[in-house]
Protein backbone atom coordinates (compact mmCIF):
# COMPACT_ATOMS: atom_id res chain seq x y z
CA UNK A 1 -30.00 -25.01 -77.72
CA UNK A 2 -32.08 -22.25 -75.30
CA UNK A 3 -33.86 -24.73 -73.28
CA UNK A 4 -30.66 -25.99 -72.51
CA UNK A 5 -29.25 -23.16 -71.39
CA UNK A 6 -32.27 -21.86 -69.55
CA UNK A 7 -32.21 -25.22 -67.74
CA UNK A 8 -28.96 -25.12 -67.21
CA UNK A 9 -28.73 -21.58 -65.45
CA UNK A 10 -31.81 -22.67 -63.28
CA UNK A 11 -29.70 -25.56 -62.05
CA UNK A 12 -26.85 -23.14 -61.32
CA UNK A 13 -29.16 -20.62 -59.42
CA UNK A 14 -30.81 -23.49 -57.49
CA UNK A 15 -26.96 -25.21 -56.40
CA UNK A 16 -26.00 -21.82 -55.73
CA UNK A 17 -29.00 -21.46 -53.33
CA UNK A 18 -28.29 -24.60 -51.95
CA UNK A 19 -25.00 -23.59 -51.23
CA UNK A 20 -26.05 -20.26 -49.69
CA UNK A 21 -28.83 -22.36 -47.18
CA UNK A 22 -25.80 -24.69 -46.50
CA UNK A 23 -23.57 -21.78 -45.73
CA UNK A 24 -26.29 -20.03 -43.63
CA UNK A 25 -26.91 -23.39 -41.78
CA UNK A 26 -23.13 -23.58 -41.04
CA UNK A 27 -23.47 -20.02 -39.72
CA UNK A 28 -26.30 -20.73 -37.63
CA UNK A 29 -24.81 -23.92 -36.43
CA UNK A 30 -21.46 -21.66 -35.23
CA UNK A 31 -23.42 -19.47 -33.53
CA UNK A 32 -25.53 -21.78 -31.45
CA UNK A 33 -21.95 -23.71 -30.02
CA UNK A 34 -20.58 -20.42 -29.51
CA UNK A 35 -23.61 -19.46 -27.35
CA UNK A 36 -23.28 -22.37 -25.92
CA UNK A 37 -20.09 -21.89 -24.87
CA UNK A 38 -20.49 -18.64 -23.73
CA UNK A 39 -22.64 -19.25 -21.41
CA UNK A 40 -21.22 -22.61 -20.11
CA UNK A 41 -17.75 -20.28 -19.40
CA UNK A 42 -20.55 -17.72 -17.81
CA UNK A 43 -22.16 -20.59 -15.77
CA UNK A 44 -18.70 -21.89 -14.75
CA UNK A 45 -17.64 -18.31 -13.47
CA UNK A 46 -20.26 -17.50 -11.54
CA UNK A 47 -20.55 -20.77 -10.30
CA UNK A 48 -17.13 -20.60 -8.92
CA UNK A 49 -17.13 -16.95 -7.34
CA UNK A 50 -20.18 -18.20 -5.86
CA UNK A 51 -18.52 -21.06 -4.49
CA UNK A 52 -15.52 -18.85 -2.90
CA UNK A 53 -18.27 -16.31 -1.57
CA UNK A 54 -20.26 -19.13 -0.26
CA UNK A 55 -17.24 -20.62 1.55
CA UNK A 56 -16.03 -17.53 2.83
CA UNK A 57 -19.68 -16.54 4.22
CA UNK A 58 -20.17 -19.85 5.76
CA UNK A 59 -16.95 -20.12 7.45
CA UNK A 60 -17.37 -17.10 9.00
CA UNK A 61 -20.47 -17.70 10.27
CA UNK A 62 -19.73 -21.19 11.76
CA UNK A 63 -16.91 -22.76 12.82
CA UNK A 64 -15.91 -26.62 13.32
CA UNK A 65 -13.01 -27.60 14.68
CA UNK A 66 -10.65 -30.86 15.63
CA UNK A 67 -9.14 -29.88 19.25
CA UNK A 68 -6.27 -32.26 20.52
CA UNK A 69 -7.22 -32.36 24.64
CA UNK A 70 -6.65 -35.30 26.68
CA UNK A 71 -10.28 -35.25 28.26
CA UNK A 72 -13.13 -37.01 26.87
CA UNK A 73 -16.03 -34.68 26.24
CA UNK A 74 -18.50 -36.29 28.41
CA UNK A 75 -18.95 -33.50 31.20
CA UNK A 76 -20.35 -33.76 34.73
CA UNK A 77 -22.75 -31.48 36.53
CA UNK A 78 -21.89 -32.32 40.03
CA UNK A 79 -19.07 -34.28 40.21
CA UNK A 80 -18.60 -35.96 44.00
CA UNK A 81 -21.50 -33.89 44.90
CA UNK A 82 -19.67 -30.67 44.03
CA UNK A 83 -19.68 -28.02 41.50
CA UNK A 84 -17.58 -25.71 39.80
CA UNK A 85 -19.78 -22.12 40.94
CA UNK A 86 -18.89 -18.68 38.87
CA UNK A 87 -20.78 -15.21 38.64
CA UNK A 88 -24.16 -15.35 36.55
CA UNK A 89 -22.36 -13.17 34.07
CA UNK A 90 -19.94 -15.51 32.86
CA UNK A 91 -20.49 -17.35 29.23
CA UNK A 92 -21.80 -20.84 29.79
CA UNK A 93 -19.65 -23.73 28.98
CA UNK A 94 -17.56 -26.88 29.72
CA UNK A 95 -14.44 -26.65 31.99
CA UNK A 96 -11.75 -29.18 31.49
CA UNK A 97 -10.23 -31.07 34.95
CA UNK A 98 -6.82 -29.04 33.83
CA UNK A 99 -8.25 -25.51 33.34
CA UNK A 100 -9.86 -26.00 37.13
CA UNK A 101 -6.66 -27.01 38.96
CA UNK A 102 -4.65 -24.44 37.00
CA UNK A 103 -7.36 -21.47 38.45
CA UNK A 104 -6.27 -22.39 41.95
CA UNK A 105 -2.41 -23.03 41.17
CA UNK A 106 -1.71 -19.83 39.84
CA UNK A 107 -1.86 -21.04 36.49
CA UNK A 108 -4.23 -18.34 34.97
CA UNK A 109 -4.46 -15.07 36.20
CA UNK A 110 -7.17 -13.94 33.93
CA UNK A 111 -10.05 -15.16 32.15
CA UNK A 112 -9.34 -14.22 28.96
CA UNK A 113 -7.62 -17.92 27.55
CA UNK A 114 -10.31 -20.00 28.99
CA UNK A 115 -13.61 -17.95 27.52
CA UNK A 116 -11.85 -14.74 26.29
CA UNK A 117 -13.07 -12.32 28.71
CA UNK A 118 -10.54 -10.30 29.83
CA UNK A 119 -11.84 -10.34 33.98
CA UNK A 120 -9.13 -10.57 36.19
CA UNK A 121 -9.35 -14.50 38.07
CA UNK A 122 -10.64 -14.73 41.38
CA UNK A 123 -10.09 -17.89 43.09
CA UNK A 124 -12.20 -18.91 46.15
CA UNK A 125 -11.36 -21.68 48.38
CA UNK A 126 -13.62 -22.69 51.43
CA UNK A 127 -10.97 -22.57 54.43
CA UNK A 128 -9.74 -26.77 53.97
CA UNK A 129 -9.60 -26.51 58.05
CA UNK A 130 -14.21 -26.98 57.69
CA UNK A 131 -15.01 -30.50 56.18
CA UNK A 132 -16.48 -28.67 52.96
CA UNK A 133 -13.41 -27.07 52.44
CA UNK A 134 -11.46 -30.63 53.34
CA UNK A 135 -13.90 -31.50 50.98
CA UNK A 136 -12.80 -29.23 47.81
CA UNK A 137 -9.06 -29.96 48.68
CA UNK A 138 -9.45 -33.18 48.57
CA UNK A 139 -11.02 -32.85 45.21
CA UNK A 140 -8.60 -30.55 43.55
CA UNK A 141 -5.68 -32.13 44.66
CA UNK A 142 -6.22 -35.70 45.84
CA UNK A 143 -6.01 -37.37 49.32
CA UNK A 144 -3.29 -37.96 51.23
CA UNK A 145 -3.79 -41.43 51.13
CA UNK A 146 -3.76 -41.68 47.54
CA UNK A 147 -0.25 -39.50 47.53
CA UNK A 148 -2.08 -36.09 46.95
CA UNK A 149 -0.69 -32.65 48.05
CA UNK A 150 -2.55 -29.67 48.55
CA UNK A 151 -0.68 -26.70 46.61
CA UNK A 152 -3.10 -23.90 46.25
CA UNK A 153 -1.87 -21.17 44.07
CA UNK A 154 -0.67 -17.23 45.85
CA UNK A 155 -3.86 -15.36 44.35
CA UNK A 156 -6.20 -18.02 46.15
CA UNK A 157 -8.88 -16.38 48.76
CA UNK A 158 -10.53 -18.14 50.95
CA UNK A 159 -14.18 -18.27 52.27
CA UNK A 160 -15.30 -19.37 56.09
CA UNK A 161 -18.11 -21.04 54.73
CA UNK A 162 -19.52 -22.15 51.05
CA UNK A 163 -22.08 -19.10 52.03
CA UNK A 164 -19.32 -16.87 52.27
CA UNK A 165 -17.85 -17.96 49.09
CA UNK A 166 -20.88 -18.03 47.08
CA UNK A 167 -21.54 -14.65 48.63
CA UNK A 168 -17.80 -13.35 46.80
CA UNK A 169 -18.33 -14.72 43.49
CA UNK A 170 -21.63 -13.21 43.39
CA UNK A 171 -20.29 -9.88 43.51
CA UNK A 172 -17.25 -10.44 41.78
CA UNK A 173 -17.60 -11.15 37.73
CA UNK A 174 -13.73 -13.29 37.78
CA UNK A 175 -14.53 -15.26 41.24
CA UNK A 176 -15.05 -18.74 40.84
CA UNK A 177 -15.00 -21.55 44.00
CA UNK A 178 -15.35 -25.27 44.45
CA UNK A 179 -18.48 -25.37 46.78
CA UNK A 180 -21.19 -28.34 47.48
CA UNK A 181 -24.16 -28.76 45.19
CA UNK A 182 -26.51 -28.54 47.82
CA UNK A 183 -25.36 -24.99 49.01
CA UNK A 184 -25.11 -23.47 45.53
CA UNK A 185 -28.91 -24.75 44.60
CA UNK A 186 -30.29 -21.50 44.03
CA UNK A 187 -27.93 -18.70 45.25
CA UNK A 188 -28.50 -15.61 43.78
CA UNK A 189 -26.20 -13.99 41.13
CA UNK A 190 -24.17 -17.39 40.77
CA UNK A 191 -23.99 -20.09 38.27
CA UNK A 192 -22.44 -23.59 38.19
CA UNK A 193 -20.15 -24.63 34.91
CA UNK A 194 -20.09 -28.58 33.98
CA UNK A 195 -16.89 -29.95 34.70
CA UNK A 196 -14.84 -32.62 32.39
CA UNK A 197 -12.58 -35.08 34.11
CA UNK A 198 -12.20 -38.63 31.94
CA UNK A 199 -9.20 -38.59 30.88
CA UNK A 200 -7.91 -42.59 29.48
CA UNK A 201 -5.39 -43.14 31.28
CA UNK A 202 -2.14 -46.12 30.32
CA UNK A 203 0.88 -47.57 31.59
CA UNK A 204 4.02 -45.47 30.95
CA UNK A 205 5.20 -47.71 28.72
CA UNK A 206 2.99 -47.17 26.63
CA UNK A 207 3.83 -43.27 26.43
CA UNK A 208 7.14 -43.86 25.73
CA UNK A 209 9.08 -42.65 22.77
CA UNK A 210 10.14 -46.38 20.78
CA UNK A 211 11.93 -46.21 17.74
CA UNK A 212 11.56 -42.64 16.87
CA UNK A 213 7.63 -43.32 17.50
CA UNK A 214 5.07 -42.34 20.00
CA UNK A 215 1.34 -43.07 20.56
CA UNK A 216 -1.04 -40.61 18.06
CA UNK A 217 -3.73 -38.65 18.99
CA UNK A 218 -6.95 -40.87 19.52
CA UNK A 219 -10.42 -40.46 18.45
CA UNK A 220 -13.44 -41.62 19.95
CA UNK A 221 -13.64 -44.77 17.77
CA UNK A 222 -9.86 -45.63 18.37
CA UNK A 223 -10.51 -45.10 22.51
CA UNK A 224 -13.76 -47.21 22.29
CA UNK A 225 -11.79 -50.37 20.00
CA UNK A 226 -9.22 -50.09 22.99
CA UNK A 227 -11.30 -51.01 25.54
CA UNK A 228 -13.71 -53.62 24.09
CA UNK A 229 -10.78 -55.23 23.27
CA UNK A 230 -11.56 -55.03 19.11
CA UNK A 231 -7.96 -53.32 19.33
CA UNK A 232 -4.72 -55.77 20.27
CA UNK A 233 -1.89 -53.84 19.74
CA UNK A 234 -0.53 -50.70 20.51
CA UNK A 235 1.29 -50.24 17.05
CA UNK A 236 -1.86 -49.85 15.98
CA UNK A 237 -1.55 -46.30 17.17
CA UNK A 238 1.96 -45.69 16.53
CA UNK A 239 2.42 -46.60 19.97
CA UNK A 240 5.43 -49.58 21.02
CA UNK A 241 4.89 -53.23 20.27
CA UNK A 242 2.71 -53.98 23.25
CA UNK A 243 -0.34 -56.06 23.46
CA UNK A 244 -3.52 -53.72 24.64
CA UNK A 245 -4.76 -55.06 28.30
CA UNK A 246 -7.66 -52.42 28.92
CA UNK A 247 -8.60 -52.86 32.88
CA UNK A 248 -12.40 -51.65 33.98
CA UNK A 249 -13.51 -49.76 36.74
CA UNK A 250 -14.59 -51.55 40.10
CA UNK A 251 -18.04 -52.16 40.22
CA UNK A 252 -20.10 -49.79 42.06
CA UNK A 253 -17.55 -46.92 42.34
CA UNK A 254 -17.91 -43.34 41.35
CA UNK A 255 -15.53 -43.91 38.24
CA UNK A 256 -18.24 -46.54 36.96
CA UNK A 257 -20.93 -44.67 37.59
CA UNK A 258 -19.50 -41.93 35.12
CA UNK A 259 -17.83 -43.99 32.61
CA UNK A 260 -21.80 -45.29 32.18
CA UNK A 261 -22.91 -42.10 31.99
CA UNK A 262 -20.55 -41.51 29.48
CA UNK A 263 -21.80 -44.37 27.24
CA UNK A 264 -18.42 -45.92 27.36
CA UNK A 265 -18.81 -49.60 29.33
CA UNK A 266 -16.35 -51.82 28.20
CA UNK A 267 -15.07 -55.42 29.68
CA UNK A 268 -12.17 -56.18 31.04
CA UNK A 269 -9.84 -58.19 28.29
CA UNK A 270 -8.96 -61.73 29.17
CA UNK A 271 -6.10 -61.57 31.75
CA UNK A 272 -6.56 -58.32 32.55
CA UNK A 273 -6.77 -57.60 36.08
CA UNK A 274 -9.84 -56.59 37.98
CA UNK A 275 -9.03 -54.29 40.82
CA UNK A 276 -11.42 -54.07 44.03
CA UNK A 277 -10.91 -50.50 44.52
CA UNK A 278 -9.72 -47.21 43.56
CA UNK A 279 -6.62 -47.00 44.24
CA UNK A 280 -6.02 -50.61 42.81
CA UNK A 281 -7.60 -50.22 39.94
CA UNK A 282 -4.81 -47.29 39.42
CA UNK A 283 -2.32 -49.31 40.71
CA UNK A 284 -3.74 -52.24 38.65
CA UNK A 285 -3.20 -49.70 35.35
CA UNK A 286 0.35 -48.67 36.54
CA UNK A 287 1.60 -52.00 37.33
CA UNK A 288 0.49 -53.87 33.68
CA UNK A 289 2.50 -53.68 30.60
CA UNK A 290 0.41 -52.05 27.88
CA UNK A 291 -2.87 -51.43 30.30
CA UNK A 292 -5.40 -48.44 29.43
CA UNK A 293 -8.62 -47.81 31.07
CA UNK A 294 -10.70 -44.68 32.12
CA UNK A 295 -9.60 -42.47 34.88
CA UNK A 296 -10.39 -39.00 36.81
CA UNK A 297 -7.75 -36.97 35.63
CA UNK A 298 -7.06 -35.93 39.10
CA UNK A 299 -6.45 -38.99 40.61
CA UNK A 300 -4.48 -40.12 37.65
CA UNK A 301 -2.04 -37.27 37.84
CA UNK A 302 -1.33 -38.54 41.88
CA UNK A 303 -0.60 -41.72 40.66
CA UNK A 304 1.45 -40.80 37.81
CA UNK A 305 -0.45 -41.92 35.24
CA UNK A 306 0.07 -40.52 31.65
CA UNK A 307 -2.99 -39.90 29.61
CA UNK A 308 -3.20 -40.51 26.07
CA UNK A 309 -4.27 -37.61 23.81
CA UNK A 310 -7.70 -37.66 22.43
CA UNK A 311 -9.64 -35.73 19.89
CA UNK A 312 -13.08 -33.94 19.77
CA UNK A 313 -15.01 -31.67 17.18
CA UNK A 314 -15.70 -28.33 18.34
CA UNK A 315 -19.07 -26.23 16.56
CA UNK A 316 -20.61 -23.42 16.92
CA UNK A 317 -21.65 -19.70 15.48
CA UNK A 318 -18.58 -18.02 14.62
CA UNK A 319 -20.78 -14.83 13.69
CA UNK A 320 -22.23 -13.04 16.81
CA UNK A 321 -23.85 -9.96 17.92
CA UNK A 322 -21.06 -10.19 20.66
CA UNK A 323 -18.60 -9.99 17.98
CA UNK A 324 -20.45 -7.46 16.29
CA UNK A 325 -21.02 -4.76 19.42
CA UNK A 326 -17.71 -5.47 21.35
CA UNK A 327 -14.56 -4.24 21.22
CA UNK A 328 -11.35 -6.37 20.95
CA UNK A 329 -8.88 -7.54 23.46
CA UNK A 330 -5.52 -8.62 23.71
CA UNK A 331 -4.60 -7.91 19.57
CA UNK A 332 -8.01 -9.49 18.60
CA UNK A 333 -7.87 -12.85 20.50
CA UNK A 334 -10.84 -12.28 22.58
CA UNK A 335 -13.52 -9.51 22.05
CA UNK A 336 -15.00 -8.34 19.14
CA UNK A 337 -14.34 -6.15 15.73
CA UNK A 338 -16.85 -2.64 16.89
CA UNK A 339 -13.81 -0.68 16.74
CA UNK A 340 -12.37 -1.86 13.64
CA UNK A 341 -15.48 -1.51 11.89
CA UNK A 342 -15.95 2.06 13.00
CA UNK A 343 -12.02 2.85 12.03
CA UNK A 344 -12.72 1.41 8.36
CA UNK A 345 -15.96 3.34 7.73
CA UNK A 346 -13.82 6.70 8.81
CA UNK A 347 -11.22 5.78 6.83
CA UNK A 348 -13.46 5.12 4.04
CA UNK A 349 -15.60 8.24 4.64
CA UNK A 350 -12.31 10.70 4.56
CA UNK A 351 -10.97 9.23 1.36
CA UNK A 352 -14.55 9.80 -0.31
CA UNK A 353 -14.06 13.31 0.86
CA UNK A 354 -10.86 13.61 -0.63
CA UNK A 355 -11.40 11.52 -3.54
CA UNK A 356 -14.38 12.01 -4.80
CA UNK A 357 -14.08 15.91 -5.43
CA UNK A 358 -10.67 15.90 -6.85
CA UNK A 359 -11.42 12.86 -8.94
CA UNK A 360 -14.81 14.85 -10.46
CA UNK A 361 -12.67 17.89 -11.51
CA UNK A 362 -10.01 16.17 -12.73
CA UNK A 363 -13.16 14.11 -15.02
CA UNK A 364 -14.95 17.99 -15.81
CA UNK A 365 -11.52 18.99 -16.99
CA UNK A 366 -10.32 16.47 -19.27
CA UNK A 367 -14.27 16.19 -21.13
CA UNK A 368 -15.32 19.61 -21.05
CA UNK A 369 -11.78 22.02 -20.95
CA UNK A 370 -8.95 20.85 -22.03
CA UNK A 371 -7.60 20.58 -25.80
CA UNK A 372 -7.56 17.02 -26.58
CA UNK A 373 -3.44 17.17 -27.79
CA UNK A 374 -0.44 16.02 -26.40
CA UNK A 375 -0.13 17.19 -22.70
CA UNK A 376 -3.67 15.98 -22.16
CA UNK A 377 -2.54 12.20 -24.03
CA UNK A 378 0.22 12.26 -21.01
CA UNK A 379 -1.97 12.90 -18.44
CA UNK A 380 -4.60 9.79 -19.80
CA UNK A 381 -1.24 7.93 -19.57
CA UNK A 382 -0.07 8.60 -16.45
CA UNK A 383 -3.56 7.86 -14.98
CA UNK A 384 -3.97 4.53 -16.72
CA UNK A 385 -0.38 3.43 -15.46
CA UNK A 386 -1.41 4.86 -11.91
CA UNK A 387 -4.50 2.49 -12.24
CA UNK A 388 -2.06 -0.95 -12.15
CA UNK A 389 0.51 0.01 -9.80
CA UNK A 390 0.35 -2.06 -7.07
CA UNK A 391 -0.74 -1.26 -4.05
CA UNK A 392 2.29 -2.28 -1.83
CA UNK A 393 3.87 0.59 -4.22
CA UNK A 394 1.42 3.40 -3.22
CA UNK A 395 1.62 2.53 0.52
CA UNK A 396 5.62 2.90 0.34
CA UNK A 397 5.20 6.22 -1.34
CA UNK A 398 2.63 7.59 1.45
CA UNK A 399 5.01 6.02 4.26
CA UNK A 400 7.65 8.71 2.52
CA UNK A 401 5.76 10.94 1.98
CA UNK A 402 2.68 11.41 4.27
CA UNK A 403 4.22 9.53 7.43
CA UNK A 404 7.90 10.84 6.97
CA UNK A 405 8.10 13.88 5.17
CA UNK A 406 4.75 15.45 5.69
CA UNK A 407 4.79 14.24 9.35
CA UNK A 408 1.75 12.90 9.65
CA UNK A 409 2.88 10.07 11.24
CA UNK A 410 0.52 6.58 11.34
CA UNK A 411 -2.70 7.48 11.48
CA UNK A 412 -6.11 7.78 9.70
CA UNK A 413 -5.15 10.78 7.98
CA UNK A 414 -2.04 9.24 5.94
CA UNK A 415 -4.07 5.84 4.84
CA UNK A 416 -6.90 7.95 3.97
CA UNK A 417 -4.36 10.46 1.64
CA UNK A 418 -2.56 7.24 0.51
CA UNK A 419 -6.31 5.37 -0.95
CA UNK A 420 -6.88 8.61 -2.58
CA UNK A 421 -3.99 8.20 -4.44
CA UNK A 422 -5.19 4.61 -5.35
CA UNK A 423 -8.95 5.00 -6.29
CA UNK A 424 -8.28 8.33 -8.29
CA UNK A 425 -7.19 6.70 -11.50
CA UNK A 426 -10.37 4.51 -11.04
CA UNK A 427 -13.06 7.55 -10.51
CA UNK A 428 -11.34 9.80 -13.05
CA UNK A 429 -11.53 6.98 -15.33
CA UNK A 430 -15.51 6.01 -14.63
CA UNK A 431 -16.59 9.60 -14.44
CA UNK A 432 -15.12 10.78 -17.65
CA UNK A 433 -17.03 7.99 -19.69
CA UNK A 434 -20.12 9.07 -17.29
CA UNK A 435 -19.71 12.83 -19.13
CA UNK A 436 -18.91 11.68 -22.77
CA UNK A 437 -22.21 9.67 -22.58
CA UNK A 438 -24.42 13.01 -22.01
CA UNK A 439 -25.60 14.17 -25.47
CA UNK A 440 -23.73 16.88 -26.83
CA UNK A 441 -27.79 18.51 -27.46
CA UNK A 442 -27.92 18.90 -23.36
CA UNK A 443 -24.98 21.49 -23.75
CA UNK A 444 -26.04 23.03 -26.89
CA UNK A 445 -29.70 23.55 -25.44
CA UNK A 446 -28.37 24.66 -21.58
CA UNK A 447 -26.20 27.24 -23.79
CA UNK A 448 -28.76 27.97 -26.19
CA UNK A 449 -30.95 29.15 -22.97
CA UNK A 450 -27.94 31.62 -21.90
CA UNK A 451 -26.19 29.62 -19.56
CA UNK A 452 -22.32 29.74 -18.55
CA UNK A 453 -20.13 26.89 -19.76
CA UNK A 454 -19.91 26.70 -15.80
CA UNK A 455 -23.37 26.51 -15.00
CA UNK A 456 -24.05 24.24 -17.87
CA UNK A 457 -21.32 21.58 -16.67
CA UNK A 458 -22.93 21.87 -13.01
CA UNK A 459 -26.59 21.72 -13.82
CA UNK A 460 -26.38 20.17 -16.90
CA UNK A 461 -23.90 17.24 -17.45
CA UNK A 462 -22.54 16.82 -14.09
CA UNK A 463 -26.47 15.65 -13.00
CA UNK A 464 -27.28 13.98 -16.31
CA UNK A 465 -23.77 11.56 -16.00
CA UNK A 466 -24.74 11.42 -11.80
CA UNK A 467 -25.58 7.63 -12.12
CA UNK A 468 -22.33 6.63 -14.20
CA UNK A 469 -20.37 9.24 -11.69
CA UNK A 470 -21.46 6.86 -8.57
CA UNK A 471 -21.39 3.69 -10.00
CA UNK A 472 -17.21 5.12 -10.86
CA UNK A 473 -17.31 5.94 -6.73
CA UNK A 474 -18.54 3.03 -5.38
CA UNK A 475 -16.00 0.25 -7.46
CA UNK A 476 -13.28 2.55 -6.06
CA UNK A 477 -14.59 2.70 -2.43
CA UNK A 478 -14.85 -1.29 -3.17
CA UNK A 479 -11.40 -0.97 -3.89
CA UNK A 480 -10.51 0.84 -0.73
CA UNK A 481 -11.83 -1.37 1.50
CA UNK A 482 -10.64 -4.27 0.53
CA UNK A 483 -7.11 -2.58 0.42
CA UNK A 484 -4.00 -3.93 3.11
CA UNK A 485 -0.78 -3.47 2.07
CA UNK A 486 -0.37 -0.13 1.56
CA UNK A 487 -2.43 0.59 4.86
CA UNK A 488 -0.08 -1.07 6.97
CA UNK A 489 2.66 1.42 5.55
CA UNK A 490 0.47 4.39 6.67
CA UNK A 491 -2.47 4.11 8.96
CA UNK A 492 -0.59 1.23 11.88
CA UNK A 493 -2.84 -1.67 12.85
CA UNK A 494 -3.86 -0.03 16.59
CA UNK A 495 -7.25 -1.93 17.41
CA UNK A 496 -8.55 0.25 19.36
CA UNK A 497 -10.79 3.37 18.30
CA UNK A 498 -9.31 6.24 16.60
CA UNK A 499 -9.18 9.54 18.70
CA UNK A 500 -8.07 11.87 15.91
CA UNK A 501 -7.17 12.64 12.32
CA UNK A 502 -3.29 11.69 13.78
CA UNK A 503 -4.33 8.23 15.32
CA UNK A 504 -3.48 4.44 14.46
CA UNK A 505 -6.06 2.75 13.39
CA UNK A 506 -6.94 -0.81 11.82
CA UNK A 507 -9.36 -1.19 9.49
CA UNK A 508 -10.99 -4.88 8.65
CA UNK A 509 -8.93 -6.27 5.53
CA UNK A 510 -5.88 -5.68 7.73
CA UNK A 511 -7.25 -7.35 10.62
CA UNK A 512 -8.15 -10.30 8.55
CA UNK A 513 -4.70 -10.07 6.94
CA UNK A 514 -2.92 -10.06 11.24
CA UNK A 515 -5.17 -12.57 12.77
CA UNK A 516 -4.27 -14.63 9.76
CA UNK A 517 -0.26 -13.90 9.54
CA UNK A 518 -0.07 -13.88 13.42
CA UNK A 519 -1.81 -17.19 13.69
CA UNK A 520 -4.08 -15.72 16.55
CA UNK A 521 -7.33 -17.27 15.36
CA UNK A 522 -8.23 -18.58 11.78
CA UNK A 523 -11.81 -18.50 12.83
CA UNK A 524 -12.01 -15.03 13.74
CA UNK A 525 -10.05 -14.13 10.46
CA UNK A 526 -12.93 -15.38 8.97
CA UNK A 527 -15.83 -13.81 10.42
CA UNK A 528 -14.03 -10.86 10.19
CA UNK A 529 -13.78 -11.19 6.49
CA UNK A 530 -17.54 -12.28 6.43
CA UNK A 531 -18.32 -8.70 7.63
CA UNK A 532 -15.97 -7.33 5.03
CA UNK A 533 -18.07 -9.18 2.45
CA UNK A 534 -21.28 -8.14 4.12
CA UNK A 535 -19.97 -4.20 4.12
CA UNK A 536 -19.01 -4.65 0.38
CA UNK A 537 -22.64 -6.28 -0.41
CA UNK A 538 -23.91 -3.05 1.12
CA UNK A 539 -22.26 -0.61 -0.76
CA UNK A 540 -23.27 -2.31 -3.95
CA UNK A 541 -26.77 -2.41 -2.92
CA UNK A 542 -26.91 1.15 -1.74
CA UNK A 543 -25.51 1.84 -5.06
CA UNK A 544 -27.49 0.00 -7.08
CA UNK A 545 -30.85 1.24 -5.19
CA UNK A 546 -29.65 5.15 -5.50
CA UNK A 547 -28.57 4.71 -9.00
CA UNK A 548 -31.92 3.50 -10.23
CA UNK A 549 -33.73 6.02 -8.27
CA UNK A 550 -31.49 8.48 -9.91
CA UNK A 551 -32.61 7.36 -13.16
CA UNK A 552 -36.01 7.23 -12.35
CA UNK A 553 -36.51 10.21 -11.76
CA UNK A 554 -34.40 11.39 -14.52
CA UNK A 555 -36.84 9.55 -16.64
CA UNK A 556 -40.18 11.11 -14.74
């Protein structure tokens, strides 16, 4: 009987042990699943944040756009033996023929819409009575035989010779002239710009609205399909129901050579006309239903032939040294962001100067001096509530109180004071936690050595809590540098460098918002956003290094 009871007891313990082991393994399995889920979510969160940050930085550093233009991307250095001469201080880059035409017909008065600079445009023409002047005039406006008519603008200045025109270009930053290539070669203070003038000229019927449809923008592949005969009907491109009739330029002509240089040789389609000269070529396009052919923009315009719109991809560096060092112009359309960066740091300096001592003093009061009663709890509740109020509410308050009631107006002071109110709750709460983390033994030891309460707080508690206090301050500054709504209500939007506390100014975040909202430039908005990200990263990196150094000093 006793043996049986012992056996049962051992069996019971064995079952209990197996049950406990099973529960233990199940707990370990649950922990592993939870750990895997947490790790996966953490990696996913970091990946998403990295993707967002990487996208902003990439778009800020590089631009890649699809532009709409009538001109093929091929550019000639010396079309018809002539060059476009500009001052050597200009940024290099190809010009469209339409831009060159507009320079000499008063369509442009400065370089802002051409290369982003604010230099006044000074077009210089060689006297048309001279052979070289007549040659440049025919190049720009067409010959009298082709129906061209000189339409010089009122801003055009006349030079007697090409040498005089080049001398004026070298002396004037915004000057431009059309001169023979041989004359411009080696001229001091002068550079030449390539010219894009090849267009796809089409028969006027092709460019008509038919049944609420119009020929769509063409890609490079579409142009090749049209010229090679692979495309049969204009309906394939949203145009009218007309058969495509490619017309090849006359053999041996300047146009044919330019077409070959652009890599766009194409045969004439079956039944397409074969013109014998330049005028016949343009007449063939204009007189053949569904016809299309490459032509020089000036010749097509004189002949009254419409040009199909094309798409071309452009790319390059978006964020450059010049963008960081130049002052903005024309509301940010041109220039850089140097003054906006300076305004941002001035705003942050003032905000920290106001908020840091106030926030630290409030935290010291709450932790070291205040009696933990209803009044202090109400103050803490108010502080926590302020931390969750949207920035636009602070902006409205700042607009009413600082801008209007106190009469500070839109400026650095109003914006900085508004930001001070916004970041004070963050500084107070983080400073409180940092002060609470200081061991009580340090306070008691200081008091035991005869130090007063004020001396203990100032020389023992605050220095020991400084890493945590600085962390909170950096977090608050990170919020301040990214604020937009509150600053638009209080600091204004002047993009020039602030000349005083009451001067209107624009920060980086407001500049990004205005560039987007006003449709000025998405590329510039992204480049400014990238600079803003770099500023925040710089603050965080500096804070991390400073806190690490302070911790090492305290440990030593």
